[in-house]
Amino acid sequence: MAGGFFDISEAGAKRKIINSTRLRVLFLFILLGISASLRSFIWIGVLSSVAMGLCLWAGIRWKYVFLRMLFLIPFGLGAIILLPFTVDGTEKTWLLGLTVSEEGLSTAILLVCKLFVCHFILCLLLSTTSPAELFKTMSQLGVPFILVEIMKFTMRYLAVLFEEVERMMEAQQARGLTFKIFASWRSYKRSGELLGVLLIRSYHRSKRIHEAMVSRGYNLNQKGQ
């Protein structure tokens, strides 16, 4: 599962929207920039329709799109929960007598809509362009080398991180712990502890990887390496 997260064959794309890799990446990056800067719900709806239409035309499997959409839920929930209470504006009484600002609520909904539009565009990009082609094209387009390197390592080790999570969950389930939405308080407490352990393990793993790379002559200032 985790290992094939960035495998473009999983998307089942039947055609590319633009044959030239460089033009395709540039076009989709422009769409990403436009979607991130829009403030009108109408134009976001138009761009969302365009992105979904391109996904349909490319023949991308909807299972591929919607399974990856699950990763947006924590960010979307965070925006909906926090922004209405933190952004100043016209106060409005909401559910359970809570007071929220209309501007904050509008900003939260706008941000969630942008997240989903960007998600469709990224699915279109990752399902029609291999990571190697993507990074090479980004370098050719003048994207800062440090940013390309960060993305390379993120893609390379995200699958390793997922596999680590799976092993930790399997070990806890073997000890009788259940990971359900409405589980006991003990399960929530244990899940928080596991996240802390995962953070520490990830930090030490990244440190070991960096030391191993430096010992082999890796230098971030030399692009050829």
C-alpha atoms as a PDB file:
ATOM      1  CA  MET A   1       0.000   0.000   0.000  1.00  0.00           C
ATOM      2  CA  ALA A   2       2.500   2.598   1.136  1.00  0.00           C
ATOM      3  CA  GLY A   3       5.182   1.542  -1.257  1.00  0.00           C
ATOM      4  CA  GLY A   4       2.947   2.132  -4.248  1.00  0.00           C
ATOM      5  CA  PHE A   5       1.620   5.488  -3.118  1.00  0.00           C
ATOM      6  CA  PHE A   6       3.567   7.329  -5.817  1.00  0.00           C
ATOM      7  CA  ASP A   7       3.323   4.523  -8.399  1.00  0.00           C
ATOM      8  CA  ILE A   8       1.697   6.148 -11.438  1.00  0.00           C
ATOM      9  CA  SER A   9       0.492   2.746 -12.687  1.00  0.00           C
ATOM     10  CA  GLU A  10      -2.013   2.684  -9.801  1.00  0.00           C
ATOM     11  CA  ALA A  11      -3.841   5.663 -11.279  1.00  0.00           C
ATOM     12  CA  GLY A  12      -4.554   3.792 -14.514  1.00  0.00           C
ATOM     13  CA  ALA A  13      -4.220   6.975 -16.592  1.00  0.00           C
ATOM     14  CA  LYS A  14      -4.914   6.184 -20.248  1.00  0.00           C
ATOM     15  CA  ARG A  15      -3.639   9.403 -21.776  1.00  0.00           C
ATOM     16  CA  LYS A  16      -1.621  12.508 -20.935  1.00  0.00           C
ATOM     17  CA  ILE A  17      -3.225  15.932 -21.223  1.00  0.00           C
ATOM     18  CA  ILE A  18      -0.034  17.260 -22.879  1.00  0.00           C
ATOM     19  CA  ASN A  19       2.582  14.970 -24.422  1.00  0.00           C
ATOM     20  CA  SER A  20       5.534  17.225 -23.599  1.00  0.00           C
ATOM     21  CA  THR A  21       6.531  16.581 -19.979  1.00  0.00           C
ATOM     22  CA  ARG A  22       7.927  20.090 -19.547  1.00  0.00           C
ATOM     23  CA  LEU A  23       4.786  21.798 -20.874  1.00  0.00           C
ATOM     24  CA  ARG A  24       2.522  19.470 -18.883  1.00  0.00           C
ATOM     25  CA  VAL A  25       4.310  20.150 -15.593  1.00  0.00           C
ATOM     26  CA  LEU A  26       4.417  23.893 -16.293  1.00  0.00           C
ATOM     27  CA  PHE A  27       0.699  23.965 -17.178  1.00  0.00           C
ATOM     28  CA  LEU A  28      -0.322  22.091 -14.022  1.00  0.00           C
ATOM     29  CA  PHE A  29       1.959  24.242 -11.843  1.00  0.00           C
ATOM     30  CA  ILE A  30       0.260  27.330 -13.272  1.00  0.00           C
ATOM     31  CA  LEU A  31      -3.140  25.803 -12.451  1.00  0.00           C
ATOM     32  CA  LEU A  32      -1.922  25.148  -8.898  1.00  0.00           C
ATOM     33  CA  GLY A  33      -0.780  28.749  -8.543  1.00  0.00           C
ATOM     34  CA  ILE A  34      -4.082  30.078  -9.860  1.00  0.00           C
ATOM     35  CA  SER A  35      -6.148  27.833  -7.575  1.00  0.00           C
ATOM     36  CA  ALA A  36      -4.118  28.895  -4.528  1.00  0.00           C
ATOM     37  CA  SER A  37      -4.623  32.602  -5.280  1.00  0.00           C
ATOM     38  CA  LEU A  38      -8.355  32.575  -6.085  1.00  0.00           C
ATOM     39  CA  ARG A  39     -10.771  34.163  -3.615  1.00  0.00           C
ATOM     40  CA  SER A  40     -14.015  33.706  -5.513  1.00  0.00           C
ATOM     41  CA  PHE A  41     -16.117  30.590  -4.948  1.00  0.00           C
ATOM     42  CA  ILE A  42     -17.407  30.861  -8.520  1.00  0.00           C
ATOM     43  CA  TRP A  43     -13.941  30.706 -10.073  1.00  0.00           C
ATOM     44  CA  ILE A  44     -12.895  27.945  -7.682  1.00  0.00           C
ATOM     45  CA  GLY A  45     -15.935  25.981  -8.844  1.00  0.00           C
ATOM     46  CA  VAL A  46     -14.972  26.582 -12.479  1.00  0.00           C
ATOM     47  CA  LEU A  47     -11.373  25.484 -11.886  1.00  0.00           C
ATOM     48  CA  SER A  48     -12.571  22.450  -9.937  1.00  0.00           C
ATOM     49  CA  SER A  49     -14.785  21.439 -12.865  1.00  0.00           C
ATOM     50  CA  VAL A  50     -11.840  21.857 -15.248  1.00  0.00           C
ATOM     51  CA  ALA A  51      -9.562  19.735 -13.034  1.00  0.00           C
ATOM     52  CA  MET A  52     -12.161  16.984 -12.652  1.00  0.00           C
ATOM     53  CA  GLY A  53     -12.858  17.069 -16.376  1.00  0.00           C
ATOM     54  CA  LEU A  54      -9.148  16.642 -17.120  1.00  0.00           C
ATOM     55  CA  CYS A  55      -8.997  13.700 -14.691  1.00  0.00           C
ATOM     56  CA  LEU A  56     -11.940  12.103 -16.501  1.00  0.00           C
ATOM     57  CA  TRP A  57     -10.387  12.714 -19.908  1.00  0.00           C
ATOM     58  CA  ALA A  58      -7.051  11.266 -18.752  1.00  0.00           C
ATOM     59  CA  GLY A  59      -8.877   8.149 -17.565  1.00  0.00           C
ATOM     60  CA  ILE A  60      -7.600   8.291 -13.976  1.00  0.00           C
ATOM     61  CA  ARG A  61      -9.239   5.820 -11.620  1.00  0.00           C
ATOM     62  CA  TRP A  62     -11.490   7.568  -9.126  1.00  0.00           C
ATOM     63  CA  LYS A  63     -10.382   5.130  -6.439  1.00  0.00           C
ATOM     64  CA  TYR A  64      -6.851   6.531  -6.858  1.00  0.00           C
ATOM     65  CA  VAL A  65      -8.187  10.083  -6.444  1.00  0.00           C
ATOM     66  CA  PHE A  66     -10.511   9.545  -3.497  1.00  0.00           C
ATOM     67  CA  LEU A  67      -8.210   7.314  -1.445  1.00  0.00           C
ATOM     68  CA  ARG A  68      -5.565  10.035  -1.535  1.00  0.00           C
ATOM     69  CA  MET A  69      -8.233  12.571  -0.625  1.00  0.00           C
ATOM     70  CA  LEU A  70      -8.334  11.006   2.853  1.00  0.00           C
ATOM     71  CA  PHE A  71      -5.007  12.697   3.596  1.00  0.00           C
ATOM     72  CA  LEU A  72      -6.730  16.087   3.234  1.00  0.00           C
ATOM     73  CA  ILE A  73      -9.241  15.404   6.005  1.00  0.00           C
ATOM     74  CA  PRO A  74      -6.944  16.384   8.935  1.00  0.00           C
ATOM     75  CA  PHE A  75      -6.022  19.689   7.231  1.00  0.00           C
ATOM     76  CA  GLY A  76      -9.632  20.407   6.250  1.00  0.00           C
ATOM     77  CA  LEU A  77     -10.916  19.652   9.735  1.00  0.00           C
ATOM     78  CA  GLY A  78      -8.220  21.853  11.242  1.00  0.00           C
ATOM     79  CA  ALA A  79      -9.285  24.779   9.036  1.00  0.00           C
ATOM     80  CA  ILE A  80     -12.995  24.340   9.764  1.00  0.00           C
ATOM     81  CA  ILE A  81     -12.459  23.957  13.512  1.00  0.00           C
ATOM     82  CA  LEU A  82      -9.900  26.725  14.105  1.00  0.00           C
ATOM     83  CA  LEU A  83     -10.408  29.537  11.566  1.00  0.00           C
ATOM     84  CA  PRO A  84     -14.031  30.475  12.454  1.00  0.00           C
ATOM     85  CA  PHE A  85     -12.899  31.108  16.045  1.00  0.00           C
ATOM     86  CA  THR A  86      -9.564  32.807  15.346  1.00  0.00           C
ATOM     87  CA  VAL A  87     -10.299  35.194  12.442  1.00  0.00           C
ATOM     88  CA  ASP A  88     -11.729  38.568  13.466  1.00  0.00           C
ATOM     89  CA  GLY A  89     -14.971  39.708  11.881  1.00  0.00           C
ATOM     90  CA  THR A  90     -18.741  39.898  12.272  1.00  0.00           C
ATOM     91  CA  GLU A  91     -19.717  37.631  15.142  1.00  0.00           C
ATOM     92  CA  LYS A  92     -22.425  35.058  14.610  1.00  0.00           C
ATOM     93  CA  THR A  93     -23.926  32.510  17.001  1.00  0.00           C
ATOM     94  CA  TRP A  94     -23.513  28.991  15.660  1.00  0.00           C
ATOM     95  CA  LEU A  95     -24.254  25.500  16.956  1.00  0.00           C
ATOM     96  CA  LEU A  96     -24.373  24.896  20.731  1.00  0.00           C
ATOM     97  CA  GLY A  97     -24.248  28.638  21.339  1.00  0.00           C
ATOM     98  CA  LEU A  98     -20.697  28.992  20.048  1.00  0.00           C
ATOM     99  CA  THR A  99     -19.739  32.375  18.606  1.00  0.00           C
ATOM    100  CA  VAL A 100     -17.872  32.386  15.312  1.00  0.00           C
ATOM    101  CA  SER A 101     -16.972  35.082  12.787  1.00  0.00           C
ATOM    102  CA  GLU A 102     -18.576  35.087   9.352  1.00  0.00           C
ATOM    103  CA  GLU A 103     -15.239  36.002   7.785  1.00  0.00           C
ATOM    104  CA  GLY A 104     -13.524  33.104   9.559  1.00  0.00           C
ATOM    105  CA  LEU A 105     -16.192  30.648   8.445  1.00  0.00           C
ATOM    106  CA  SER A 106     -15.975  31.907   4.865  1.00  0.00           C
ATOM    107  CA  THR A 107     -12.166  31.681   4.948  1.00  0.00           C
ATOM    108  CA  ALA A 108     -12.322  28.110   6.271  1.00  0.00           C
ATOM    109  CA  ILE A 109     -14.731  26.971   3.542  1.00  0.00           C
ATOM    110  CA  LEU A 110     -12.646  28.758   0.896  1.00  0.00           C
ATOM    111  CA  LEU A 111      -9.459  27.062   2.126  1.00  0.00           C
ATOM    112  CA  VAL A 112     -11.077  23.609   2.095  1.00  0.00           C
ATOM    113  CA  CYS A 113     -12.336  24.178  -1.464  1.00  0.00           C
ATOM    114  CA  LYS A 114      -8.831  25.202  -2.543  1.00  0.00           C
ATOM    115  CA  LEU A 115      -7.388  22.075  -0.924  1.00  0.00           C
ATOM    116  CA  PHE A 116      -9.673  19.829  -2.945  1.00  0.00           C
ATOM    117  CA  VAL A 117      -9.007  21.667  -6.219  1.00  0.00           C
ATOM    118  CA  CYS A 118      -5.241  21.437  -5.657  1.00  0.00           C
ATOM    119  CA  HIS A 119      -5.694  17.768  -4.811  1.00  0.00           C
ATOM    120  CA  PHE A 120      -7.306  17.035  -8.194  1.00  0.00           C
ATOM    121  CA  ILE A 121      -4.534  18.925  -9.997  1.00  0.00           C
ATOM    122  CA  LEU A 122      -1.803  17.098  -8.064  1.00  0.00           C
ATOM    123  CA  CYS A 123      -3.440  13.735  -8.784  1.00  0.00           C
ATOM    124  CA  LEU A 124      -3.438  14.680 -12.457  1.00  0.00           C
ATOM    125  CA  LEU A 125       0.243  15.606 -12.232  1.00  0.00           C
ATOM    126  CA  LEU A 126       1.409  12.550 -10.275  1.00  0.00           C
ATOM    127  CA  SER A 127      -0.656  10.081 -12.307  1.00  0.00           C
ATOM    128  CA  THR A 128       0.767  11.195 -15.661  1.00  0.00           C
ATOM    129  CA  THR A 129       4.340  12.080 -14.665  1.00  0.00           C
ATOM    130  CA  SER A 130       6.842   9.790 -12.955  1.00  0.00           C
ATOM    131  CA  PRO A 131       8.806  11.211  -9.987  1.00  0.00           C
ATOM    132  CA  ALA A 132      12.059  11.109 -11.986  1.00  0.00           C
ATOM    133  CA  GLU A 133      10.493  13.105 -14.851  1.00  0.00           C
ATOM    134  CA  LEU A 134       8.887  15.520 -12.400  1.00  0.00           C
ATOM    135  CA  PHE A 135      12.097  16.335 -10.521  1.00  0.00           C
ATOM    136  CA  LYS A 136      14.111  16.655 -13.721  1.00  0.00           C
ATOM    137  CA  THR A 137      11.538  19.020 -15.209  1.00  0.00           C
ATOM    138  CA  MET A 138      11.345  21.079 -12.015  1.00  0.00           C
ATOM    139  CA  SER A 139      15.119  21.568 -12.136  1.00  0.00           C
ATOM    140  CA  GLN A 140      14.897  22.603 -15.800  1.00  0.00           C
ATOM    141  CA  LEU A 141      12.151  25.107 -14.953  1.00  0.00           C
ATOM    142  CA  GLY A 142      14.403  26.802 -12.403  1.00  0.00           C
ATOM    143  CA  VAL A 143      12.869  25.492  -9.184  1.00  0.00           C
ATOM    144  CA  PRO A 144      15.444  25.975  -6.360  1.00  0.00           C
ATOM    145  CA  PHE A 145      17.696  22.947  -5.992  1.00  0.00           C
ATOM    146  CA  ILE A 146      17.119  22.694  -2.229  1.00  0.00           C
ATOM    147  CA  LEU A 147      13.339  22.491  -2.788  1.00  0.00           C
ATOM    148  CA  VAL A 148      13.732  19.723  -5.373  1.00  0.00           C
ATOM    149  CA  GLU A 149      15.995  17.785  -2.986  1.00  0.00           C
ATOM    150  CA  ILE A 150      13.480  18.123  -0.135  1.00  0.00           C
ATOM    151  CA  MET A 151      10.699  16.781  -2.361  1.00  0.00           C
ATOM    152  CA  LYS A 152      12.909  13.891  -3.492  1.00  0.00           C
ATOM    153  CA  PHE A 153      13.614  12.804   0.059  1.00  0.00           C
ATOM    154  CA  THR A 154       9.979  13.290   1.062  1.00  0.00           C
ATOM    155  CA  MET A 155       8.749  11.015  -1.715  1.00  0.00           C
ATOM    156  CA  ARG A 156      11.496   8.487  -1.103  1.00  0.00           C
ATOM    157  CA  TYR A 157      10.998   8.110   2.641  1.00  0.00           C
ATOM    158  CA  LEU A 158       7.257   8.748   2.992  1.00  0.00           C
ATOM    159  CA  ALA A 159       6.627   5.133   2.002  1.00  0.00           C
ATOM    160  CA  VAL A 160       9.171   4.032   4.636  1.00  0.00           C
ATOM    161  CA  LEU A 161       7.321   6.128   7.216  1.00  0.00           C
ATOM    162  CA  PHE A 162       3.972   4.558   6.280  1.00  0.00           C
ATOM    163  CA  GLU A 163       5.451   1.073   6.592  1.00  0.00           C
ATOM    164  CA  GLU A 164       6.804   1.983  10.032  1.00  0.00           C
ATOM    165  CA  VAL A 165       3.312   3.125  11.077  1.00  0.00           C
ATOM    166  CA  GLU A 166       1.798  -0.120   9.787  1.00  0.00           C
ATOM    167  CA  ARG A 167       4.302  -2.214  11.754  1.00  0.00           C
ATOM    168  CA  MET A 168       3.663  -0.215  14.935  1.00  0.00           C
ATOM    169  CA  MET A 169      -0.118  -0.569  14.555  1.00  0.00           C
ATOM    170  CA  GLU A 170       0.139  -4.309  13.906  1.00  0.00           C
ATOM    171  CA  ALA A 171       2.303  -4.714  17.011  1.00  0.00           C
ATOM    172  CA  GLN A 172      -0.233  -2.828  19.139  1.00  0.00           C
ATOM    173  CA  GLN A 173      -3.183  -4.744  17.687  1.00  0.00           C
ATOM    174  CA  ALA A 174      -1.391  -7.985  18.557  1.00  0.00           C
ATOM    175  CA  ARG A 175      -1.388  -6.704  22.151  1.00  0.00           C
ATOM    176  CA  GLY A 176      -5.164  -6.152  22.057  1.00  0.00           C
ATOM    177  CA  LEU A 177      -5.310  -2.429  21.226  1.00  0.00           C
ATOM    178  CA  THR A 178      -8.019  -1.350  18.768  1.00  0.00           C
ATOM    179  CA  PHE A 179      -7.792   1.666  16.457  1.00  0.00           C
ATOM    180  CA  LYS A 180     -11.412   2.731  15.987  1.00  0.00           C
ATOM    181  CA  ILE A 181     -13.013   6.165  15.830  1.00  0.00           C
ATOM    182  CA  PHE A 182     -15.109   5.618  18.956  1.00  0.00           C
ATOM    183  CA  ALA A 183     -12.635   3.480  20.878  1.00  0.00           C
ATOM    184  CA  SER A 184     -11.780   3.748  24.562  1.00  0.00           C
ATOM    185  CA  TRP A 185      -9.826   6.633  26.076  1.00  0.00           C
ATOM    186  CA  ARG A 186      -6.905   4.213  26.496  1.00  0.00           C
ATOM    187  CA  SER A 187      -6.758   3.781  22.710  1.00  0.00           C
ATOM    188  CA  TYR A 188      -6.576   7.547  22.151  1.00  0.00           C
ATOM    189  CA  LYS A 189      -3.883   7.883  24.798  1.00  0.00           C
ATOM    190  CA  ARG A 190      -1.867   5.031  23.300  1.00  0.00           C
ATOM    191  CA  SER A 191      -2.241   6.501  19.790  1.00  0.00           C
ATOM    192  CA  GLY A 192      -0.764   9.779  21.028  1.00  0.00           C
ATOM    193  CA  GLU A 193       2.153   7.907  22.567  1.00  0.00           C
ATOM    194  CA  LEU A 194       2.738   6.069  19.283  1.00  0.00           C
ATOM    195  CA  LEU A 195       2.842   9.378  17.403  1.00  0.00           C
ATOM    196  CA  GLY A 196       5.502  10.608  19.814  1.00  0.00           C
ATOM    197  CA  VAL A 197       7.542   7.430  19.331  1.00  0.00           C
ATOM    198  CA  LEU A 198       7.154   7.746  15.555  1.00  0.00           C
ATOM    199  CA  LEU A 199       8.403  11.347  15.672  1.00  0.00           C
ATOM    200  CA  ILE A 200      11.501  10.355  17.660  1.00  0.00           C
ATOM    201  CA  ARG A 201      12.217   7.375  15.402  1.00  0.00           C
ATOM    202  CA  SER A 202      11.830   9.526  12.294  1.00  0.00           C
ATOM    203  CA  TYR A 203      14.204  12.145  13.692  1.00  0.00           C
ATOM    204  CA  HIS A 204      16.894   9.577  14.502  1.00  0.00           C
ATOM    205  CA  ARG A 205      16.418   7.853  11.130  1.00  0.00           C
ATOM    206  CA  SER A 206      16.836  11.154   9.271  1.00  0.00           C
ATOM    207  CA  LYS A 207      19.961  11.914  11.301  1.00  0.00           C
ATOM    208  CA  ARG A 208      21.494   8.530  10.442  1.00  0.00           C
ATOM    209  CA  ILE A 209      20.633   8.951   6.757  1.00  0.00           C
ATOM    210  CA  HIS A 210      22.209  12.423   6.679  1.00  0.00           C
ATOM    211  CA  GLU A 211      25.377  11.192   8.373  1.00  0.00           C
ATOM    212  CA  ALA A 212      25.623   8.277   5.924  1.00  0.00           C
ATOM    213  CA  MET A 213      25.207  10.625   2.951  1.00  0.00           C
ATOM    214  CA  VAL A 214      27.813  13.081   4.226  1.00  0.00           C
ATOM    215  CA  SER A 215      30.283  10.241   4.819  1.00  0.00           C
ATOM    216  CA  ARG A 216      29.847   9.304   1.149  1.00  0.00           C
ATOM    217  CA  GLY A 217      30.680  12.818  -0.010  1.00  0.00           C
ATOM    218  CA  TYR A 218      27.190  14.303  -0.417  1.00  0.00           C
ATOM    219  CA  ASN A 219      27.238  18.098  -0.595  1.00  0.00           C
ATOM    220  CA  LEU A 220      24.019  20.061  -0.977  1.00  0.00           C
ATOM    221  CA  ASN A 221      25.904  22.980  -2.522  1.00  0.00           C
ATOM    222  CA  GLN A 222      27.074  20.852  -5.442  1.00  0.00           C
ATOM    223  CA  LYS A 223      24.141  20.103  -7.727  1.00  0.00           C
ATOM    224  CA  GLY A 224      25.955  17.429  -9.612  1.00  0.00           C
ATOM    225  CA  GLN A 225      26.088  15.114  -6.623  1.00  0.00           C
END
